[in-house]
Structure formats: structure tokens, C-alpha cells
N, C-alpha and C. Protein backbone atom coordinates (compact mmCIF):
# COMPACT_ATOMS: atom_id res chain seq x y z
N MET A 1 11.11 12.11 -5.47
CA MET A 1 10.54 11.49 -4.35
C MET A 1 11.39 11.72 -3.03
N ASN A 2 10.90 12.06 -2.03
CA ASN A 2 11.71 12.34 -0.84
C ASN A 2 11.71 10.88 -0.01
N ASP A 3 12.64 11.01 0.96
CA ASP A 3 12.73 9.61 1.83
C ASP A 3 11.48 9.18 2.49
N ASN A 4 10.53 10.09 2.63
CA ASN A 4 9.19 9.72 3.27
C ASN A 4 8.20 9.17 2.36
N PHE A 5 8.55 9.12 1.10
CA PHE A 5 7.70 8.69 0.01
C PHE A 5 7.30 7.23 0.17
N PHE A 6 8.39 6.34 0.37
CA PHE A 6 8.20 4.96 0.40
C PHE A 6 8.39 4.49 1.93
N GLN A 7 7.55 3.81 2.36
CA GLN A 7 7.62 3.49 3.85
C GLN A 7 7.21 1.95 4.00
N VAL A 8 8.09 1.31 4.73
CA VAL A 8 7.92 -0.18 4.80
C VAL A 8 7.57 -0.57 6.35
N PHE A 9 6.48 -1.40 6.31
CA PHE A 9 6.12 -1.80 7.73
C PHE A 9 6.10 -3.38 7.52
N PHE A 10 6.97 -3.98 8.54
CA PHE A 10 7.17 -5.38 8.43
C PHE A 10 6.53 -6.10 9.68
N THR A 11 6.06 -7.30 9.50
CA THR A 11 5.62 -8.12 10.62
C THR A 11 4.45 -7.64 11.27
N SER A 12 3.51 -6.91 10.49
CA SER A 12 2.31 -6.39 11.07
C SER A 12 1.43 -7.58 11.52
N GLU A 13 0.74 -7.33 12.54
CA GLU A 13 -0.01 -8.53 13.22
C GLU A 13 -1.56 -8.35 13.12
N TRP A 14 -2.01 -7.56 12.31
CA TRP A 14 -3.49 -7.33 12.21
C TRP A 14 -4.06 -8.55 11.70
N LYS A 15 -5.33 -8.71 12.01
CA LYS A 15 -6.15 -9.87 11.70
C LYS A 15 -7.31 -9.55 10.67
N THR A 16 -7.66 -8.28 10.43
CA THR A 16 -8.76 -8.10 9.52
C THR A 16 -8.42 -6.91 8.61
N LYS A 17 -9.05 -6.81 7.58
CA LYS A 17 -8.93 -5.67 6.44
C LYS A 17 -9.19 -4.31 7.28
N GLU A 18 -10.24 -4.35 8.11
CA GLU A 18 -10.60 -3.20 8.80
C GLU A 18 -9.49 -2.54 9.80
N GLU A 19 -8.73 -3.57 10.43
CA GLU A 19 -7.66 -3.18 11.29
C GLU A 19 -6.50 -2.62 10.43
N VAL A 20 -6.21 -3.18 9.24
CA VAL A 20 -5.26 -2.71 8.36
C VAL A 20 -5.53 -1.26 7.86
N PHE A 21 -6.91 -1.09 7.41
CA PHE A 21 -7.21 0.17 7.07
C PHE A 21 -7.20 1.21 8.14
N ALA A 22 -7.52 0.86 9.34
CA ALA A 22 -7.37 1.54 10.56
C ALA A 22 -6.06 2.21 10.69
N PHE A 23 -4.94 1.34 10.55
CA PHE A 23 -3.55 1.75 10.70
C PHE A 23 -3.25 2.52 9.52
N ILE A 24 -3.63 2.30 8.35
CA ILE A 24 -3.34 3.26 7.14
C ILE A 24 -3.87 4.56 7.41
N ALA A 25 -5.14 4.60 7.82
CA ALA A 25 -5.76 5.97 8.03
C ALA A 25 -5.09 6.71 9.25
N HIS A 26 -4.79 5.98 10.30
CA HIS A 26 -4.12 6.71 11.39
C HIS A 26 -2.71 7.27 10.93
N HIS A 27 -2.01 6.47 10.13
CA HIS A 27 -0.76 6.86 9.60
C HIS A 27 -0.79 8.23 8.61
N VAL A 28 -1.94 8.12 7.83
CA VAL A 28 -2.07 9.13 6.81
C VAL A 28 -2.65 10.36 7.54
N ASN A 29 -3.57 10.34 8.51
CA ASN A 29 -4.23 11.66 9.02
C ASN A 29 -4.97 11.18 10.25
N THR A 30 -4.44 11.34 11.46
CA THR A 30 -5.10 10.93 12.60
C THR A 30 -6.41 11.55 12.86
N ASP A 31 -6.56 12.89 12.47
CA ASP A 31 -7.66 13.65 12.67
C ASP A 31 -8.94 13.17 11.82
N GLU A 32 -8.64 12.46 10.66
CA GLU A 32 -9.71 11.99 9.77
C GLU A 32 -9.56 10.57 9.69
N GLN A 33 -9.25 9.87 10.58
CA GLN A 33 -9.12 8.36 10.51
C GLN A 33 -10.39 7.63 10.12
N ALA A 34 -11.49 8.06 10.74
CA ALA A 34 -12.65 7.26 10.46
C ALA A 34 -13.24 7.54 9.09
N ALA A 35 -13.06 8.77 8.62
CA ALA A 35 -13.50 9.15 7.23
C ALA A 35 -12.55 8.34 6.15
N LEU A 36 -11.29 8.29 6.37
CA LEU A 36 -10.30 7.65 5.63
C LEU A 36 -10.59 6.13 5.50
N VAL A 37 -10.81 5.62 6.69
CA VAL A 37 -11.26 4.05 6.67
C VAL A 37 -12.41 3.90 5.90
N ASP A 38 -13.47 4.65 5.95
CA ASP A 38 -14.64 4.69 5.17
C ASP A 38 -14.29 4.74 3.59
N LEU A 39 -13.55 5.68 3.28
CA LEU A 39 -13.05 5.80 1.87
C LEU A 39 -12.30 4.52 1.28
N LEU A 40 -11.45 4.02 2.14
CA LEU A 40 -10.80 2.74 1.72
C LEU A 40 -11.82 1.60 1.60
N LEU A 41 -12.58 1.52 2.53
CA LEU A 41 -13.66 0.36 2.38
C LEU A 41 -14.53 0.70 1.18
N LYS A 42 -14.92 1.72 0.84
CA LYS A 42 -15.68 2.07 -0.28
C LYS A 42 -14.93 1.68 -1.57
N ARG A 43 -13.66 2.04 -1.59
CA ARG A 43 -12.86 1.64 -2.72
C ARG A 43 -12.86 0.19 -3.05
N GLU A 44 -12.78 -0.52 -1.96
CA GLU A 44 -12.87 -2.02 -2.02
C GLU A 44 -14.13 -2.61 -2.63
N GLU A 45 -15.33 -1.81 -2.43
CA GLU A 45 -16.57 -2.36 -2.94
C GLU A 45 -16.65 -2.08 -4.41
N VAL A 46 -15.78 -1.22 -4.97
CA VAL A 46 -15.76 -0.84 -6.35
C VAL A 46 -15.22 -2.19 -7.15
N GLY A 47 -14.23 -2.76 -6.63
CA GLY A 47 -13.59 -3.92 -7.34
C GLY A 47 -12.33 -4.39 -6.48
N SER A 48 -11.94 -5.60 -6.73
CA SER A 48 -10.75 -6.15 -6.06
C SER A 48 -9.43 -5.32 -6.33
N THR A 49 -8.76 -5.22 -5.25
CA THR A 49 -7.46 -4.59 -5.40
C THR A 49 -6.25 -5.58 -5.48
N LEU A 50 -6.60 -6.87 -5.75
CA LEU A 50 -5.64 -7.95 -5.92
C LEU A 50 -4.91 -7.79 -7.24
N ILE A 51 -3.56 -7.68 -7.11
CA ILE A 51 -2.75 -7.31 -8.35
C ILE A 51 -1.90 -8.62 -8.65
N ALA A 52 -1.70 -9.49 -7.80
CA ALA A 52 -0.99 -10.73 -7.98
C ALA A 52 -1.37 -11.78 -6.90
N PRO A 53 -1.01 -13.06 -6.99
CA PRO A 53 -1.38 -13.87 -5.86
C PRO A 53 -0.88 -13.36 -4.56
N GLU A 54 -1.66 -13.19 -3.61
CA GLU A 54 -1.23 -12.76 -2.15
C GLU A 54 -0.76 -11.33 -2.06
N ILE A 55 -1.03 -10.52 -3.05
CA ILE A 55 -0.59 -9.01 -3.10
C ILE A 55 -1.82 -8.28 -3.43
N ILE A 56 -2.09 -7.18 -2.65
CA ILE A 56 -3.08 -6.32 -2.92
C ILE A 56 -2.54 -4.75 -3.20
N LEU A 57 -3.26 -4.00 -3.74
CA LEU A 57 -2.89 -2.64 -3.98
C LEU A 57 -4.20 -1.65 -3.63
N PRO A 58 -4.38 -1.54 -2.22
CA PRO A 58 -5.35 -0.47 -1.85
C PRO A 58 -4.78 0.85 -2.31
N HIS A 59 -5.70 1.77 -2.74
CA HIS A 59 -5.30 3.12 -3.19
C HIS A 59 -6.43 4.03 -2.89
N LEU A 60 -5.94 5.31 -2.77
CA LEU A 60 -6.81 6.28 -2.32
C LEU A 60 -6.41 7.66 -2.68
N GLU A 61 -7.16 8.54 -3.31
CA GLU A 61 -6.94 9.89 -3.48
C GLU A 61 -7.92 10.75 -2.82
N SER A 62 -7.44 11.60 -1.90
CA SER A 62 -8.42 12.38 -1.07
C SER A 62 -7.87 13.66 -0.51
N GLU A 63 -8.73 14.73 -0.36
CA GLU A 63 -8.37 15.99 0.28
C GLU A 63 -8.05 15.73 1.78
N LEU A 64 -8.37 14.60 2.37
CA LEU A 64 -8.03 14.31 3.70
C LEU A 64 -6.59 13.72 3.80
N VAL A 65 -5.97 13.47 2.73
CA VAL A 65 -4.67 13.04 2.71
C VAL A 65 -3.58 14.34 2.80
N GLN A 66 -2.74 14.22 3.82
CA GLN A 66 -1.80 15.36 3.99
C GLN A 66 -0.53 15.25 3.20
N ALA A 67 -0.01 14.03 2.82
CA ALA A 67 1.14 13.78 2.11
C ALA A 67 1.04 12.50 1.32
N SER A 68 1.27 12.64 -0.01
CA SER A 68 1.22 11.38 -0.82
C SER A 68 2.34 10.48 -0.52
N GLN A 69 2.08 9.20 -0.57
CA GLN A 69 3.07 8.29 -0.21
C GLN A 69 2.73 6.82 -0.62
N VAL A 70 3.66 5.89 -0.53
CA VAL A 70 3.36 4.50 -0.90
C VAL A 70 3.89 3.79 0.30
N LEU A 71 2.86 2.97 0.92
CA LEU A 71 3.12 2.04 2.14
C LEU A 71 3.33 0.67 1.61
N PHE A 72 4.34 0.06 2.14
CA PHE A 72 4.47 -1.39 1.84
C PHE A 72 4.31 -2.05 3.40
N ILE A 73 3.19 -2.96 3.41
CA ILE A 73 2.82 -3.56 4.63
C ILE A 73 2.92 -5.13 4.45
N LYS A 74 3.95 -5.73 5.13
CA LYS A 74 4.19 -7.20 5.01
C LYS A 74 3.48 -7.83 6.17
N PHE A 75 2.60 -8.72 5.97
CA PHE A 75 1.94 -9.30 7.16
C PHE A 75 2.80 -10.45 7.77
N HIS A 76 2.78 -10.44 9.16
CA HIS A 76 3.49 -11.50 9.89
C HIS A 76 2.94 -12.81 9.60
N GLU A 77 1.53 -12.91 9.60
CA GLU A 77 0.89 -14.06 9.26
C GLU A 77 -0.05 -13.72 8.09
N PRO A 78 -0.20 -14.51 7.07
CA PRO A 78 -1.05 -14.34 6.04
C PRO A 78 -2.47 -13.92 6.40
N LEU A 79 -3.02 -12.98 5.95
CA LEU A 79 -4.26 -12.36 6.32
C LEU A 79 -5.40 -12.70 5.27
N ASN A 80 -6.45 -13.18 5.78
CA ASN A 80 -7.67 -13.52 4.89
C ASN A 80 -8.41 -12.25 4.67
N TRP A 81 -8.12 -11.62 3.52
CA TRP A 81 -8.56 -10.31 3.18
C TRP A 81 -10.01 -10.23 3.21
N ASP A 82 -10.58 -10.94 2.22
CA ASP A 82 -12.10 -11.34 2.08
C ASP A 82 -12.29 -12.31 1.23
N GLU A 83 -13.67 -12.76 1.09
CA GLU A 83 -13.98 -14.02 0.38
C GLU A 83 -13.50 -14.01 -1.04
N ALA A 84 -13.64 -12.79 -1.75
CA ALA A 84 -13.21 -12.81 -3.17
C ALA A 84 -11.59 -12.76 -3.24
N THR A 85 -10.98 -11.98 -2.32
CA THR A 85 -9.50 -11.89 -2.44
C THR A 85 -8.59 -13.01 -2.00
N GLY A 86 -9.14 -13.60 -0.78
CA GLY A 86 -8.46 -14.65 -0.23
C GLY A 86 -7.31 -14.23 0.62
N ILE A 87 -6.18 -15.00 0.70
CA ILE A 87 -5.02 -14.79 1.54
C ILE A 87 -4.18 -13.71 1.02
N VAL A 88 -3.75 -12.90 1.82
CA VAL A 88 -2.72 -11.71 1.42
C VAL A 88 -1.58 -11.70 2.44
N LYS A 89 -0.46 -11.53 1.78
CA LYS A 89 0.87 -11.44 2.49
C LYS A 89 1.47 -10.12 2.40
N LEU A 90 1.03 -9.29 1.36
CA LEU A 90 1.72 -8.02 1.13
C LEU A 90 0.66 -6.98 0.62
N ALA A 91 0.61 -5.89 1.35
CA ALA A 91 -0.20 -4.82 0.71
C ALA A 91 0.60 -3.67 0.34
N ILE A 92 0.50 -3.21 -0.90
CA ILE A 92 1.21 -2.01 -1.34
C ILE A 92 0.21 -0.93 -1.52
N VAL A 93 0.27 0.12 -0.65
CA VAL A 93 -0.93 1.21 -0.52
C VAL A 93 -0.45 2.41 -1.09
N ILE A 94 -1.13 2.93 -1.96
CA ILE A 94 -0.94 4.12 -2.70
C ILE A 94 -1.84 5.21 -2.22
N ILE A 95 -1.24 6.23 -1.64
CA ILE A 95 -2.04 7.37 -0.94
C ILE A 95 -1.63 8.58 -1.67
N LEU A 96 -2.61 9.23 -2.19
CA LEU A 96 -2.40 10.43 -3.02
C LEU A 96 -3.25 11.64 -2.50
N LYS A 97 -2.55 12.71 -2.10
CA LYS A 97 -3.43 13.96 -1.81
C LYS A 97 -4.05 14.51 -3.05
N GLN A 98 -5.08 15.09 -2.82
CA GLN A 98 -5.94 15.66 -3.98
C GLN A 98 -5.11 16.87 -4.43
N ASN A 99 -5.19 17.05 -5.74
CA ASN A 99 -4.42 18.19 -6.42
C ASN A 99 -3.00 18.02 -6.21
N GLU A 100 -2.44 17.01 -6.10
CA GLU A 100 -1.02 16.65 -6.02
C GLU A 100 -0.17 17.32 -7.17
N GLU A 101 0.97 17.54 -7.01
CA GLU A 101 1.94 18.03 -7.96
C GLU A 101 2.07 17.12 -8.96
N GLN A 102 2.33 17.54 -10.30
CA GLN A 102 2.44 16.73 -11.45
C GLN A 102 3.60 15.69 -11.35
N ALA A 103 4.77 16.23 -10.73
CA ALA A 103 5.97 15.47 -10.52
C ALA A 103 5.73 14.16 -9.78
N VAL A 104 4.91 14.28 -8.75
CA VAL A 104 4.51 13.29 -7.84
C VAL A 104 3.57 12.25 -8.49
N LYS A 105 2.70 12.79 -9.29
CA LYS A 105 1.80 11.99 -10.05
C LYS A 105 2.57 11.04 -11.09
N VAL A 106 3.61 11.71 -11.60
CA VAL A 106 4.37 10.97 -12.72
C VAL A 106 5.13 9.76 -12.02
N ALA A 107 5.72 10.28 -10.85
CA ALA A 107 6.53 9.27 -10.00
C ALA A 107 5.62 8.06 -9.55
N ILE A 108 4.36 8.29 -9.22
CA ILE A 108 3.53 7.30 -8.87
C ILE A 108 3.09 6.46 -10.11
N SER A 109 2.97 6.96 -11.16
CA SER A 109 2.67 6.42 -12.38
C SER A 109 3.82 5.49 -12.74
N GLN A 110 5.02 5.89 -12.73
CA GLN A 110 6.25 5.17 -12.99
C GLN A 110 6.19 3.99 -12.03
N PHE A 111 6.01 4.20 -10.75
CA PHE A 111 6.07 3.18 -9.85
C PHE A 111 4.99 2.09 -10.12
N THR A 112 3.75 2.51 -10.45
CA THR A 112 2.84 1.40 -10.64
C THR A 112 3.04 0.56 -11.86
N ARG A 113 3.79 1.02 -12.87
CA ARG A 113 4.17 0.13 -13.97
C ARG A 113 5.21 -0.85 -13.54
N THR A 114 5.94 -0.60 -12.58
CA THR A 114 6.94 -1.72 -12.07
C THR A 114 6.03 -2.81 -11.58
N LEU A 115 5.01 -2.61 -10.98
CA LEU A 115 4.13 -3.64 -10.49
C LEU A 115 3.57 -4.58 -11.41
N ALA A 116 3.68 -4.36 -12.65
CA ALA A 116 3.37 -5.42 -13.82
C ALA A 116 4.36 -6.38 -13.84
N ASP A 117 5.58 -6.28 -13.21
CA ASP A 117 6.72 -7.21 -13.37
C ASP A 117 6.40 -8.28 -12.18
N GLU A 118 6.00 -9.51 -12.67
CA GLU A 118 5.76 -10.54 -11.76
C GLU A 118 6.94 -10.97 -10.95
N ASP A 119 8.17 -10.90 -11.62
CA ASP A 119 9.32 -11.40 -10.85
C ASP A 119 9.54 -10.32 -9.78
N TYR A 120 9.51 -9.06 -10.02
CA TYR A 120 9.62 -8.11 -8.95
C TYR A 120 8.74 -8.29 -7.72
N LEU A 121 7.50 -8.51 -8.15
CA LEU A 121 6.51 -8.69 -7.10
C LEU A 121 6.89 -10.04 -6.27
N ALA A 122 7.28 -10.97 -7.07
CA ALA A 122 7.66 -12.24 -6.26
C ALA A 122 8.75 -11.96 -5.21
N GLU A 123 9.76 -11.28 -5.65
CA GLU A 123 10.89 -10.80 -4.79
C GLU A 123 10.53 -10.17 -3.60
N LEU A 124 9.46 -9.30 -3.78
CA LEU A 124 8.98 -8.44 -2.63
C LEU A 124 8.30 -9.41 -1.75
N LEU A 125 7.56 -10.27 -2.32
CA LEU A 125 6.68 -11.22 -1.41
C LEU A 125 7.46 -12.13 -0.57
N ILE A 126 8.57 -12.48 -1.09
CA ILE A 126 9.38 -13.52 -0.34
C ILE A 126 10.57 -13.00 0.47
N GLU A 127 10.76 -11.70 0.26
CA GLU A 127 11.86 -10.95 1.04
C GLU A 127 11.43 -10.94 2.45
N GLU A 128 12.33 -11.44 3.34
CA GLU A 128 12.07 -11.46 4.90
C GLU A 128 12.81 -10.44 5.60
N ASP A 129 13.82 -9.83 4.94
CA ASP A 129 14.68 -8.73 5.57
C ASP A 129 14.25 -7.29 5.41
N PRO A 130 13.83 -6.55 6.36
CA PRO A 130 13.36 -5.34 6.03
C PRO A 130 14.20 -4.43 5.31
N GLU A 131 15.54 -4.44 5.56
CA GLU A 131 16.54 -3.48 4.98
C GLU A 131 16.62 -4.04 3.48
N ALA A 132 16.75 -5.31 3.23
CA ALA A 132 16.87 -5.79 1.86
C ALA A 132 15.60 -5.39 1.12
N PHE A 133 14.39 -5.54 1.72
CA PHE A 133 13.17 -5.20 1.07
C PHE A 133 13.18 -3.75 0.67
N TYR A 134 13.62 -2.85 1.53
CA TYR A 134 13.63 -1.38 1.31
C TYR A 134 14.69 -1.19 0.11
N GLN A 135 15.76 -1.80 0.13
CA GLN A 135 16.71 -1.64 -0.88
C GLN A 135 16.25 -2.04 -2.38
N LYS A 136 15.32 -3.09 -2.32
CA LYS A 136 14.71 -3.45 -3.67
C LYS A 136 13.79 -2.38 -4.21
N ILE A 137 13.08 -1.72 -3.08
CA ILE A 137 12.24 -0.71 -3.64
C ILE A 137 13.00 0.56 -4.16
N ARG A 138 14.05 0.82 -3.42
CA ARG A 138 14.94 2.08 -3.68
C ARG A 138 15.52 1.82 -4.96
N ARG A 139 16.06 0.67 -5.21
CA ARG A 139 16.85 0.37 -6.47
C ARG A 139 15.99 0.58 -7.68
N ASN A 140 14.71 0.21 -7.64
CA ASN A 140 13.81 0.19 -8.77
C ASN A 140 13.08 1.68 -8.89
N HIS A 141 13.17 2.51 -7.76
CA HIS A 141 12.39 3.73 -7.90
C HIS A 141 13.09 4.92 -7.26
N SER A 142 14.35 4.95 -7.48
CA SER A 142 15.14 6.11 -7.07
C SER A 142 14.92 7.26 -8.04
């Protein structure tokens, strides 16, 4: 995984799921922002992305994605995601380009297994220092 694989965004001040998805889509591919937002919203309709209290895991695989990556978005203020999900403080977003190399798919698979560790998720949720947060990610996924 290269240095651009994990990206951390702290103190985001978005107020709605749609604003968050617009940021993600813009970050992933500005030319296809509207289509990517639509895909993220459609994924939400399939089922909840809540993986732990106050933590969601939106994810997307598409030919519109230019580079596979994992985005960590810590919300400045808790965000009321939707009626079913409730309050969210952290979004861990997995973005995968279609027909990605096997090595990257394996890395993402290994990463997702760490999300089953409730203590690890709790550490990420309460960490307030961006550099310490990033070091926790790199320590577990280098």
C-alpha cells in the first residue's frame, strides 16, 4: 500500500449524509462526482453501513474510481446519518476501482478484518489528535 492509500480527514463540519458523499465523490473523481454520489446513496439503500456504535463503513467499487483508497473521516460534531443509523462520529470509507490488482484487494481484505476488533475501533473513535490517529492506522496496516 502506498502513502496515498490511507487518508485521514479530521474535524469535518458537514451536516448531512449527502454533503459527506459529495466530499467523498469530489475527492475520488471530480469529473464523475454526481454519479459517484448516486452510487454511494444506492449502496446505503441496500443496507446499513453501521459497523459499531457511531462508526459507519460506506464502500464502493466502480469503474468511475481512479485510485483505490481508504478514507477516514472524523466529524467535528456528531452527524445524524439517517433514522436507522443514528449518530455517527467516524466514517471509514473504502473506495475500490473496478478490476483492481489482487494485491490491493488482499490489502483491503486484511484491513477490513481489523475492523472486527472493537477495542481498535474504540481507539479510533476517541482519538482527537490527527497524527496519533494516523499512526494507529499505519501501525496496524503497514
